[in-house]
Amino acid sequence: MDHKTVEEYILSMPNATLGYPFGEGTAVYKAGDKMFALIQEGSDPVRVSLKCDPQLSAVLREKYESVMPGYHLNKKHWNTIVLSGQLAWEEVQDLIRHSYQLVTAS
């Protein structure tokens, strides 16, 4: 999975925007004024951080080596996922939508 494909999907969410509030190298995707995804640019494989329901986070972290607590984020509510192929693209898309829905519902 490459950065461009992931970014295009993230930006396909309604009103999603891209910015760099933490400086170059960390792409931050927001819905309104709330972050729902971050990508560490230049990482290979791609690493994407997504907001997640805490109970689902625990299940995902236990099931997949490539899902870990959010890097430099609230570890209860964020996961960092290494897109190494352990999760299918459809699963990653589901988690992107889940993250988006969490921030837009509040």
PDB file of N, CA and C in Angstrom:
ATOM      1  N   MET A   1       0.855  -1.180   0.000  1.00  0.00           N
ATOM      2  CA  MET A   1       0.000   0.000   0.000  1.00  0.00           C
ATOM      3  C   MET A   1       0.894   1.234   0.000  1.00  0.00           C
ATOM      4  N   ASP A   2       0.656   2.144  -0.932  1.00  0.00           N
ATOM      5  CA  ASP A   2       1.503   3.331  -1.010  1.00  0.00           C
ATOM      6  C   ASP A   2       0.795   4.560  -0.438  1.00  0.00           C
ATOM      7  N   HIS A   3       1.603   5.544  -0.104  1.00  0.00           N
ATOM      8  CA  HIS A   3       1.120   6.769   0.535  1.00  0.00           C
ATOM      9  C   HIS A   3       0.031   7.440  -0.311  1.00  0.00           C
ATOM     10  N   LYS A   4       0.253   7.537  -1.606  1.00  0.00           N
ATOM     11  CA  LYS A   4      -0.694   8.230  -2.487  1.00  0.00           C
ATOM     12  C   LYS A   4      -2.079   7.576  -2.444  1.00  0.00           C
ATOM     13  N   THR A   5      -2.127   6.257  -2.498  1.00  0.00           N
ATOM     14  CA  THR A   5      -3.408   5.537  -2.466  1.00  0.00           C
ATOM     15  C   THR A   5      -4.138   5.785  -1.153  1.00  0.00           C
ATOM     16  N   VAL A   6      -3.398   5.705  -0.047  1.00  0.00           N
ATOM     17  CA  VAL A   6      -4.000   5.923   1.273  1.00  0.00           C
ATOM     18  C   VAL A   6      -4.500   7.365   1.379  1.00  0.00           C
ATOM     19  N   GLU A   7      -3.658   8.304   0.957  1.00  0.00           N
ATOM     20  CA  GLU A   7      -4.046   9.716   1.043  1.00  0.00           C
ATOM     21  C   GLU A   7      -5.273  10.024   0.189  1.00  0.00           C
ATOM     22  N   GLU A   8      -5.330   9.489  -1.016  1.00  0.00           N
ATOM     23  CA  GLU A   8      -6.496   9.724  -1.870  1.00  0.00           C
ATOM     24  C   GLU A   8      -7.768   9.218  -1.210  1.00  0.00           C
ATOM     25  N   TYR A   9      -7.681   8.049  -0.558  1.00  0.00           N
ATOM     26  CA  TYR A   9      -8.866   7.523   0.108  1.00  0.00           C
ATOM     27  C   TYR A   9      -9.265   8.405   1.289  1.00  0.00           C
ATOM     28  N   ILE A  10      -8.286   8.807   2.091  1.00  0.00           N
ATOM     29  CA  ILE A  10      -8.568   9.669   3.245  1.00  0.00           C
ATOM     30  C   ILE A  10      -9.237  10.966   2.777  1.00  0.00           C
ATOM     31  N   LEU A  11      -8.687  11.573   1.726  1.00  0.00           N
ATOM     32  CA  LEU A  11      -9.226  12.849   1.249  1.00  0.00           C
ATOM     33  C   LEU A  11     -10.555  12.705   0.510  1.00  0.00           C
ATOM     34  N   SER A  12     -10.985  11.454   0.261  1.00  0.00           N
ATOM     35  CA  SER A  12     -12.298  11.254  -0.365  1.00  0.00           C
ATOM     36  C   SER A  12     -13.438  11.379   0.653  1.00  0.00           C
ATOM     37  N   MET A  13     -13.096  11.432   1.941  1.00  0.00           N
ATOM     38  CA  MET A  13     -14.117  11.631   2.970  1.00  0.00           C
ATOM     39  C   MET A  13     -14.664  13.059   2.835  1.00  0.00           C
ATOM     40  N   PRO A  14     -15.965  13.264   3.049  1.00  0.00           N
ATOM     41  CA  PRO A  14     -16.545  14.608   2.914  1.00  0.00           C
ATOM     42  C   PRO A  14     -15.830  15.639   3.782  1.00  0.00           C
ATOM     43  N   ASN A  15     -15.465  16.759   3.176  1.00  0.00           N
ATOM     44  CA  ASN A  15     -14.838  17.891   3.871  1.00  0.00           C
ATOM     45  C   ASN A  15     -13.487  17.575   4.498  1.00  0.00           C
ATOM     46  N   ALA A  16     -12.833  16.500   4.068  1.00  0.00           N
ATOM     47  CA  ALA A  16     -11.507  16.170   4.592  1.00  0.00           C
ATOM     48  C   ALA A  16     -10.476  17.127   4.012  1.00  0.00           C
ATOM     49  N   THR A  17      -9.553  17.564   4.857  1.00  0.00           N
ATOM     50  CA  THR A  17      -8.492  18.469   4.428  1.00  0.00           C
ATOM     51  C   THR A  17      -7.147  17.943   4.901  1.00  0.00           C
ATOM     52  N   LEU A  18      -6.100  18.387   4.221  1.00  0.00           N
ATOM     53  CA  LEU A  18      -4.728  18.015   4.540  1.00  0.00           C
ATOM     54  C   LEU A  18      -3.979  19.242   5.006  1.00  0.00           C
ATOM     55  N   GLY A  19      -3.223  19.105   6.084  1.00  0.00           N
ATOM     56  CA  GLY A  19      -2.398  20.194   6.580  1.00  0.00           C
ATOM     57  C   GLY A  19      -1.153  19.647   7.256  1.00  0.00           C
ATOM     58  N   TYR A  20      -0.277  20.565   7.676  1.00  0.00           N
ATOM     59  CA  TYR A  20       0.978  20.188   8.319  1.00  0.00           C
ATOM     60  C   TYR A  20       1.184  21.001   9.606  1.00  0.00           C
ATOM     61  N   PRO A  21       0.264  20.901  10.574  1.00  0.00           N
ATOM     62  CA  PRO A  21       0.388  21.707  11.796  1.00  0.00           C
ATOM     63  C   PRO A  21       1.582  21.318  12.670  1.00  0.00           C
ATOM     64  N   PHE A  22       2.119  20.119  12.477  1.00  0.00           N
ATOM     65  CA  PHE A  22       3.264  19.663  13.271  1.00  0.00           C
ATOM     66  C   PHE A  22       4.570  19.780  12.492  1.00  0.00           C
ATOM     67  N   GLY A  23       4.516  20.458  11.345  1.00  0.00           N
ATOM     68  CA  GLY A  23       5.708  20.620  10.517  1.00  0.00           C
ATOM     69  C   GLY A  23       5.746  19.622   9.381  1.00  0.00           C
ATOM     70  N   GLU A  24       6.705  19.854   8.498  1.00  0.00           N
ATOM     71  CA  GLU A  24       6.863  18.962   7.348  1.00  0.00           C
ATOM     72  C   GLU A  24       7.170  17.552   7.834  1.00  0.00           C
ATOM     73  N   GLY A  25       6.661  16.596   7.121  1.00  0.00           N
ATOM     74  CA  GLY A  25       6.930  15.209   7.463  1.00  0.00           C
ATOM     75  C   GLY A  25       5.770  14.489   8.118  1.00  0.00           C
ATOM     76  N   THR A  26       4.818  15.248   8.666  1.00  0.00           N
ATOM     77  CA  THR A  26       3.647  14.613   9.263  1.00  0.00           C
ATOM     78  C   THR A  26       2.397  15.207   8.625  1.00  0.00           C
ATOM     79  N   ALA A  27       1.799  14.427   7.737  1.00  0.00           N
ATOM     80  CA  ALA A  27       0.565  14.847   7.061  1.00  0.00           C
ATOM     81  C   ALA A  27      -0.604  14.610   8.019  1.00  0.00           C
ATOM     82  N   VAL A  28      -1.380  15.669   8.256  1.00  0.00           N
ATOM     83  CA  VAL A  28      -2.513  15.598   9.175  1.00  0.00           C
ATOM     84  C   VAL A  28      -3.795  15.823   8.384  1.00  0.00           C
ATOM     85  N   TYR A  29      -4.729  14.904   8.540  1.00  0.00           N
ATOM     86  CA  TYR A  29      -5.999  14.964   7.823  1.00  0.00           C
ATOM     87  C   TYR A  29      -7.097  15.268   8.829  1.00  0.00           C
ATOM     88  N   LYS A  30      -7.885  16.278   8.512  1.00  0.00           N
ATOM     89  CA  LYS A  30      -8.935  16.723   9.424  1.00  0.00           C
ATOM     90  C   LYS A  30     -10.295  16.707   8.746  1.00  0.00           C
ATOM     91  N   ALA A  31     -11.317  16.566   9.586  1.00  0.00           N
ATOM     92  CA  ALA A  31     -12.705  16.791   9.187  1.00  0.00           C
ATOM     93  C   ALA A  31     -13.132  17.976  10.033  1.00  0.00           C
ATOM     94  N   GLY A  32     -13.341  19.112   9.403  1.00  0.00           N
ATOM     95  CA  GLY A  32     -13.568  20.330  10.175  1.00  0.00           C
ATOM     96  C   GLY A  32     -12.272  20.688  10.878  1.00  0.00           C
ATOM     97  N   ASP A  33     -12.330  20.840  12.206  1.00  0.00           N
ATOM     98  CA  ASP A  33     -11.115  21.166  12.951  1.00  0.00           C
ATOM     99  C   ASP A  33     -10.583  19.981  13.749  1.00  0.00           C
ATOM    100  N   LYS A  34     -11.083  18.768  13.467  1.00  0.00           N
ATOM    101  CA  LYS A  34     -10.674  17.590  14.234  1.00  0.00           C
ATOM    102  C   LYS A  34      -9.862  16.616  13.380  1.00  0.00           C
ATOM    103  N   MET A  35      -8.729  16.198  13.922  1.00  0.00           N
ATOM    104  CA  MET A  35      -7.877  15.223  13.236  1.00  0.00           C
ATOM    105  C   MET A  35      -8.544  13.859  13.232  1.00  0.00           C
ATOM    106  N   PHE A  36      -8.423  13.171  12.091  1.00  0.00           N
ATOM    107  CA  PHE A  36      -8.882  11.785  12.077  1.00  0.00           C
ATOM    108  C   PHE A  36      -7.852  10.837  11.483  1.00  0.00           C
ATOM    109  N   ALA A  37      -6.778  11.383  10.897  1.00  0.00           N
ATOM    110  CA  ALA A  37      -5.721  10.530  10.363  1.00  0.00           C
ATOM    111  C   ALA A  37      -4.417  11.323  10.280  1.00  0.00           C
ATOM    112  N   LEU A  38      -3.312  10.609  10.455  1.00  0.00           N
ATOM    113  CA  LEU A  38      -1.982  11.187  10.282  1.00  0.00           C
ATOM    114  C   LEU A  38      -1.135  10.166   9.537  1.00  0.00           C
ATOM    115  N   ILE A  39      -0.279  10.650   8.657  1.00  0.00           N
ATOM    116  CA  ILE A  39       0.673   9.774   7.972  1.00  0.00           C
ATOM    117  C   ILE A  39       2.064  10.364   8.151  1.00  0.00           C
ATOM    118  N   GLN A  40       2.976   9.522   8.616  1.00  0.00           N
ATOM    119  CA  GLN A  40       4.373   9.925   8.707  1.00  0.00           C
ATOM    120  C   GLN A  40       4.951   9.794   7.305  1.00  0.00           C
ATOM    121  N   GLU A  41       5.229  10.927   6.676  1.00  0.00           N
ATOM    122  CA  GLU A  41       5.704  10.906   5.296  1.00  0.00           C
ATOM    123  C   GLU A  41       7.100  10.304   5.206  1.00  0.00           C
ATOM    124  N   GLY A  42       7.325   9.579   4.135  1.00  0.00           N
ATOM    125  CA  GLY A  42       8.628   8.967   3.892  1.00  0.00           C
ATOM    126  C   GLY A  42       8.814   7.617   4.563  1.00  0.00           C
ATOM    127  N   SER A  43       7.829   7.168   5.336  1.00  0.00           N
ATOM    128  CA  SER A  43       7.972   5.863   5.985  1.00  0.00           C
ATOM    129  C   SER A  43       7.652   4.755   4.983  1.00  0.00           C
ATOM    130  N   ASP A  44       8.418   3.699   5.049  1.00  0.00           N
ATOM    131  CA  ASP A  44       8.215   2.564   4.159  1.00  0.00           C
ATOM    132  C   ASP A  44       8.386   1.292   4.981  1.00  0.00           C
ATOM    133  N   PRO A  45       7.309   0.549   5.239  1.00  0.00           N
ATOM    134  CA  PRO A  45       5.964   0.744   4.717  1.00  0.00           C
ATOM    135  C   PRO A  45       5.275   1.965   5.345  1.00  0.00           C
ATOM    136  N   VAL A  46       4.187   2.368   4.710  1.00  0.00           N
ATOM    137  CA  VAL A  46       3.406   3.514   5.177  1.00  0.00           C
ATOM    138  C   VAL A  46       2.890   3.225   6.583  1.00  0.00           C
ATOM    139  N   ARG A  47       2.923   4.264   7.425  1.00  0.00           N
ATOM    140  CA  ARG A  47       2.354   4.196   8.775  1.00  0.00           C
ATOM    141  C   ARG A  47       1.255   5.241   8.857  1.00  0.00           C
ATOM    142  N   VAL A  48       0.058   4.794   9.183  1.00  0.00           N
ATOM    143  CA  VAL A  48      -1.073   5.713   9.312  1.00  0.00           C
ATOM    144  C   VAL A  48      -1.622   5.602  10.729  1.00  0.00           C
ATOM    145  N   SER A  49      -1.867   6.748  11.349  1.00  0.00           N
ATOM    146  CA  SER A  49      -2.468   6.774  12.683  1.00  0.00           C
ATOM    147  C   SER A  49      -3.922   7.190  12.538  1.00  0.00           C
ATOM    148  N   LEU A  50      -4.798   6.430  13.205  1.00  0.00           N
ATOM    149  CA  LEU A  50      -6.238   6.642  13.098  1.00  0.00           C
ATOM    150  C   LEU A  50      -6.884   6.603  14.474  1.00  0.00           C
ATOM    151  N   LYS A  51      -7.885   7.445  14.644  1.00  0.00           N
ATOM    152  CA  LYS A  51      -8.678   7.410  15.870  1.00  0.00           C
ATOM    153  C   LYS A  51      -9.480   6.107  15.869  1.00  0.00           C
ATOM    154  N   CYS A  52      -9.712   5.545  17.061  1.00  0.00           N
ATOM    155  CA  CYS A  52     -10.400   4.257  17.121  1.00  0.00           C
ATOM    156  C   CYS A  52     -11.108   4.113  18.462  1.00  0.00           C
ATOM    157  N   ASP A  53     -12.234   3.442  18.451  1.00  0.00           N
ATOM    158  CA  ASP A  53     -12.932   3.102  19.681  1.00  0.00           C
ATOM    159  C   ASP A  53     -11.973   2.302  20.571  1.00  0.00           C
ATOM    160  N   PRO A  54     -11.848   2.652  21.848  1.00  0.00           N
ATOM    161  CA  PRO A  54     -10.888   1.974  22.722  1.00  0.00           C
ATOM    162  C   PRO A  54     -11.036   0.452  22.784  1.00  0.00           C
ATOM    163  N   GLN A  55     -12.252  -0.061  22.789  1.00  0.00           N
ATOM    164  CA  GLN A  55     -12.428  -1.521  22.833  1.00  0.00           C
ATOM    165  C   GLN A  55     -11.965  -2.178  21.542  1.00  0.00           C
ATOM    166  N   LEU A  56     -12.278  -1.548  20.417  1.00  0.00           N
ATOM    167  CA  LEU A  56     -11.816  -2.073  19.137  1.00  0.00           C
ATOM    168  C   LEU A  56     -10.297  -1.983  19.047  1.00  0.00           C
ATOM    169  N   SER A  57      -9.726  -0.903  19.558  1.00  0.00           N
ATOM    170  CA  SER A  57      -8.265  -0.745  19.563  1.00  0.00           C
ATOM    171  C   SER A  57      -7.594  -1.933  20.230  1.00  0.00           C
ATOM    172  N   ALA A  58      -8.107  -2.312  21.395  1.00  0.00           N
ATOM    173  CA  ALA A  58      -7.520  -3.428  22.141  1.00  0.00           C
ATOM    174  C   ALA A  58      -7.583  -4.725  21.333  1.00  0.00           C
ATOM    175  N   VAL A  59      -8.708  -4.969  20.686  1.00  0.00           N
ATOM    176  CA  VAL A  59      -8.871  -6.182  19.876  1.00  0.00           C
ATOM    177  C   VAL A  59      -7.883  -6.174  18.711  1.00  0.00           C
ATOM    178  N   LEU A  60      -7.779  -5.045  18.019  1.00  0.00           N
ATOM    179  CA  LEU A  60      -6.891  -4.948  16.860  1.00  0.00           C
ATOM    180  C   LEU A  60      -5.426  -5.129  17.253  1.00  0.00           C
ATOM    181  N   ARG A  61      -5.038  -4.526  18.364  1.00  0.00           N
ATOM    182  CA  ARG A  61      -3.642  -4.623  18.817  1.00  0.00           C
ATOM    183  C   ARG A  61      -3.284  -6.052  19.211  1.00  0.00           C
ATOM    184  N   GLU A  62      -4.262  -6.763  19.772  1.00  0.00           N
ATOM    185  CA  GLU A  62      -4.019  -8.144  20.161  1.00  0.00           C
ATOM    186  C   GLU A  62      -3.943  -9.056  18.933  1.00  0.00           C
ATOM    187  N   LYS A  63      -4.746  -8.751  17.932  1.00  0.00           N
ATOM    188  CA  LYS A  63      -4.849  -9.610  16.752  1.00  0.00           C
ATOM    189  C   LYS A  63      -3.723  -9.386  15.742  1.00  0.00           C
ATOM    190  N   TYR A  64      -3.249  -8.133  15.611  1.00  0.00           N
ATOM    191  CA  TYR A  64      -2.286  -7.797  14.563  1.00  0.00           C
ATOM    192  C   TYR A  64      -1.012  -7.176  15.132  1.00  0.00           C
ATOM    193  N   GLU A  65       0.118  -7.698  14.729  1.00  0.00           N
ATOM    194  CA  GLU A  65       1.408  -7.104  15.099  1.00  0.00           C
ATOM    195  C   GLU A  65       1.563  -5.706  14.515  1.00  0.00           C
ATOM    196  N   SER A  66       0.938  -5.463  13.385  1.00  0.00           N
ATOM    197  CA  SER A  66       1.110  -4.188  12.680  1.00  0.00           C
ATOM    198  C   SER A  66       0.217  -3.072  13.219  1.00  0.00           C
ATOM    199  N   VAL A  67      -0.578  -3.360  14.249  1.00  0.00           N
ATOM    200  CA  VAL A  67      -1.414  -2.337  14.880  1.00  0.00           C
ATOM    201  C   VAL A  67      -0.872  -2.101  16.284  1.00  0.00           C
ATOM    202  N   MET A  68      -0.476  -0.856  16.548  1.00  0.00           N
ATOM    203  CA  MET A  68       0.098  -0.521  17.849  1.00  0.00           C
ATOM    204  C   MET A  68      -0.497   0.773  18.383  1.00  0.00           C
ATOM    205  N   PRO A  69      -0.260   1.059  19.657  1.00  0.00           N
ATOM    206  CA  PRO A  69      -0.780   2.309  20.217  1.00  0.00           C
ATOM    207  C   PRO A  69      -0.310   3.506  19.390  1.00  0.00           C
ATOM    208  N   GLY A  70      -1.152   4.513  19.301  1.00  0.00           N
ATOM    209  CA  GLY A  70      -0.852   5.692  18.492  1.00  0.00           C
ATOM    210  C   GLY A  70       0.468   6.341  18.851  1.00  0.00           C
ATOM    211  N   TYR A  71       1.310   6.536  17.864  1.00  0.00           N
ATOM    212  CA  TYR A  71       2.621   7.141  18.050  1.00  0.00           C
ATOM    213  C   TYR A  71       2.459   8.625  18.339  1.00  0.00           C
ATOM    214  N   HIS A  72       2.905   9.068  19.508  1.00  0.00           N
ATOM    215  CA  HIS A  72       2.795  10.461  19.960  1.00  0.00           C
ATOM    216  C   HIS A  72       1.343  10.941  20.037  1.00  0.00           C
ATOM    217  N   LEU A  73       0.419  10.027  20.291  1.00  0.00           N
ATOM    218  CA  LEU A  73      -1.004  10.360  20.386  1.00  0.00           C
ATOM    219  C   LEU A  73      -1.578   9.698  21.629  1.00  0.00           C
ATOM    220  N   ASN A  74      -2.823  10.030  21.970  1.00  0.00           N
ATOM    221  CA  ASN A  74      -3.501   9.399  23.088  1.00  0.00           C
ATOM    222  C   ASN A  74      -3.637   7.911  22.788  1.00  0.00           C
ATOM    223  N   LYS A  75      -2.937   7.099  23.534  1.00  0.00           N
ATOM    224  CA  LYS A  75      -2.847   5.668  23.229  1.00  0.00           C
ATOM    225  C   LYS A  75      -4.160   4.914  23.454  1.00  0.00           C
ATOM    226  N   LYS A  76      -5.071   5.525  24.197  1.00  0.00           N
ATOM    227  CA  LYS A  76      -6.371   4.892  24.414  1.00  0.00           C
ATOM    228  C   LYS A  76      -7.253   5.036  23.173  1.00  0.00           C
ATOM    229  N   HIS A  77      -7.125   6.158  22.470  1.00  0.00           N
ATOM    230  CA  HIS A  77      -8.038   6.474  21.376  1.00  0.00           C
ATOM    231  C   HIS A  77      -7.415   6.444  19.984  1.00  0.00           C
ATOM    232  N   TRP A  78      -6.113   6.180  19.886  1.00  0.00           N
ATOM    233  CA  TRP A  78      -5.442   6.209  18.579  1.00  0.00           C
ATOM    234  C   TRP A  78      -4.590   4.964  18.385  1.00  0.00           C
ATOM    235  N   ASN A  79      -4.595   4.458  17.155  1.00  0.00           N
ATOM    236  CA  ASN A  79      -3.719   3.365  16.731  1.00  0.00           C
ATOM    237  C   ASN A  79      -2.820   3.855  15.612  1.00  0.00           C
ATOM    238  N   THR A  80      -1.613   3.339  15.583  1.00  0.00           N
ATOM    239  CA  THR A  80      -0.752   3.508  14.425  1.00  0.00           C
ATOM    240  C   THR A  80      -0.694   2.149  13.741  1.00  0.00           C
ATOM    241  N   ILE A  81      -0.983   2.144  12.451  1.00  0.00           N
ATOM    242  CA  ILE A  81      -1.040   0.902  11.683  1.00  0.00           C
ATOM    243  C   ILE A  81       0.067   0.930  10.638  1.00  0.00           C
ATOM    244  N   VAL A  82       0.901  -0.100  10.661  1.00  0.00           N
ATOM    245  CA  VAL A  82       1.946  -0.258   9.658  1.00  0.00           C
ATOM    246  C   VAL A  82       1.314  -1.024   8.504  1.00  0.00           C
ATOM    247  N   LEU A  83       1.283  -0.396   7.332  1.00  0.00           N
ATOM    248  CA  LEU A  83       0.608  -1.016   6.180  1.00  0.00           C
ATOM    249  C   LEU A  83       1.568  -1.974   5.473  1.00  0.00           C
ATOM    250  N   SER A  84       1.808  -3.090   6.147  1.00  0.00           N
ATOM    251  CA  SER A  84       2.760  -4.097   5.677  1.00  0.00           C
ATOM    252  C   SER A  84       2.077  -5.224   4.917  1.00  0.00           C
ATOM    253  N   GLY A  85       0.747  -5.167   4.824  1.00  0.00           N
ATOM    254  CA  GLY A  85       0.004  -6.221   4.149  1.00  0.00           C
ATOM    255  C   GLY A  85      -0.695  -7.160   5.125  1.00  0.00           C
ATOM    256  N   GLN A  86      -0.423  -7.005   6.419  1.00  0.00           N
ATOM    257  CA  GLN A  86      -1.082  -7.869   7.404  1.00  0.00           C
ATOM    258  C   GLN A  86      -2.587  -7.605   7.422  1.00  0.00           C
ATOM    259  N   LEU A  87      -2.974  -6.337   7.292  1.00  0.00           N
ATOM    260  CA  LEU A  87      -4.388  -5.991   7.152  1.00  0.00           C
ATOM    261  C   LEU A  87      -4.677  -5.776   5.674  1.00  0.00           C
ATOM    262  N   ALA A  88      -5.797  -6.309   5.212  1.00  0.00           N
ATOM    263  CA  ALA A  88      -6.207  -6.101   3.819  1.00  0.00           C
ATOM    264  C   ALA A  88      -6.571  -4.631   3.624  1.00  0.00           C
ATOM    265  N   TRP A  89      -6.447  -4.139   2.400  1.00  0.00           N
ATOM    266  CA  TRP A  89      -6.779  -2.753   2.089  1.00  0.00           C
ATOM    267  C   TRP A  89      -8.208  -2.430   2.504  1.00  0.00           C
ATOM    268  N   GLU A  90      -9.132  -3.373   2.332  1.00  0.00           N
ATOM    269  CA  GLU A  90     -10.528  -3.154   2.717  1.00  0.00           C
ATOM    270  C   GLU A  90     -10.646  -2.923   4.229  1.00  0.00           C
ATOM    271  N   GLU A  91      -9.853  -3.638   5.012  1.00  0.00           N
ATOM    272  CA  GLU A  91      -9.869  -3.441   6.460  1.00  0.00           C
ATOM    273  C   GLU A  91      -9.322  -2.060   6.821  1.00  0.00           C
ATOM    274  N   VAL A  92      -8.274  -1.656   6.142  1.00  0.00           N
ATOM    275  CA  VAL A  92      -7.695  -0.323   6.382  1.00  0.00           C
ATOM    276  C   VAL A  92      -8.723   0.746   6.021  1.00  0.00           C
ATOM    277  N   GLN A  93      -9.407   0.572   4.909  1.00  0.00           N
ATOM    278  CA  GLN A  93     -10.456   1.522   4.517  1.00  0.00           C
ATOM    279  C   GLN A  93     -11.546   1.590   5.582  1.00  0.00           C
ATOM    280  N   ASP A  94     -11.945   0.444   6.124  1.00  0.00           N
ATOM    281  CA  ASP A  94     -12.950   0.417   7.192  1.00  0.00           C
ATOM    282  C   ASP A  94     -12.474   1.217   8.403  1.00  0.00           C
ATOM    283  N   LEU A  95     -11.198   1.076   8.762  1.00  0.00           N
ATOM    284  CA  LEU A  95     -10.659   1.781   9.925  1.00  0.00           C
ATOM    285  C   LEU A  95     -10.542   3.283   9.657  1.00  0.00           C
ATOM    286  N   ILE A  96     -10.261   3.669   8.426  1.00  0.00           N
ATOM    287  CA  ILE A  96     -10.236   5.095   8.061  1.00  0.00           C
ATOM    288  C   ILE A  96     -11.646   5.673   8.211  1.00  0.00           C
ATOM    289  N   ARG A  97     -12.645   4.963   7.685  1.00  0.00           N
ATOM    290  CA  ARG A  97     -14.038   5.419   7.811  1.00  0.00           C
ATOM    291  C   ARG A  97     -14.456   5.489   9.277  1.00  0.00           C
ATOM    292  N   HIS A  98     -14.061   4.499  10.060  1.00  0.00           N
ATOM    293  CA  HIS A  98     -14.378   4.473  11.487  1.00  0.00           C
ATOM    294  C   HIS A  98     -13.808   5.705  12.179  1.00  0.00           C
ATOM    295  N   SER A  99     -12.563   6.023  11.898  1.00  0.00           N
ATOM    296  CA  SER A  99     -11.915   7.186  12.491  1.00  0.00           C
ATOM    297  C   SER A  99     -12.645   8.472  12.083  1.00  0.00           C
ATOM    298  N   TYR A 100     -12.947   8.586  10.817  1.00  0.00           N
ATOM    299  CA  TYR A 100     -13.668   9.749  10.310  1.00  0.00           C
ATOM    300  C   TYR A 100     -15.028   9.900  11.009  1.00  0.00           C
ATOM    301  N   GLN A 101     -15.740   8.785  11.129  1.00  0.00           N
ATOM    302  CA  GLN A 101     -17.074   8.823  11.763  1.00  0.00           C
ATOM    303  C   GLN A 101     -16.990   9.193  13.237  1.00  0.00           C
ATOM    304  N   LEU A 102     -15.940   8.749  13.916  1.00  0.00           N
ATOM    305  CA  LEU A 102     -15.778   9.110  15.338  1.00  0.00           C
ATOM    306  C   LEU A 102     -15.633  10.619  15.513  1.00  0.00           C
ATOM    307  N   VAL A 103     -14.858  11.256  14.660  1.00  0.00           N
ATOM    308  CA  VAL A 103     -14.647  12.699  14.846  1.00  0.00           C
ATOM    309  C   VAL A 103     -15.784  13.534  14.296  1.00  0.00           C
ATOM    310  N   THR A 104     -16.508  13.051  13.306  1.00  0.00           N
ATOM    311  CA  THR A 104     -17.604  13.836  12.754  1.00  0.00           C
ATOM    312  C   THR A 104     -18.900  13.659  13.544  1.00  0.00           C
ATOM    313  N   ALA A 105     -18.995  12.604  14.345  1.00  0.00           N
ATOM    314  CA  ALA A 105     -20.203  12.367  15.138  1.00  0.00           C
ATOM    315  C   ALA A 105     -20.229  13.223  16.403  1.00  0.00           C
ATOM    316  N   SER A 106     -19.070  13.708  16.821  1.00  0.00           N
ATOM    317  CA  SER A 106     -19.022  14.464  18.088  1.00  0.00           C
ATOM    318  C   SER A 106     -19.118  15.960  17.876  1.00  0.00           C
TER     319      SER A 106
END
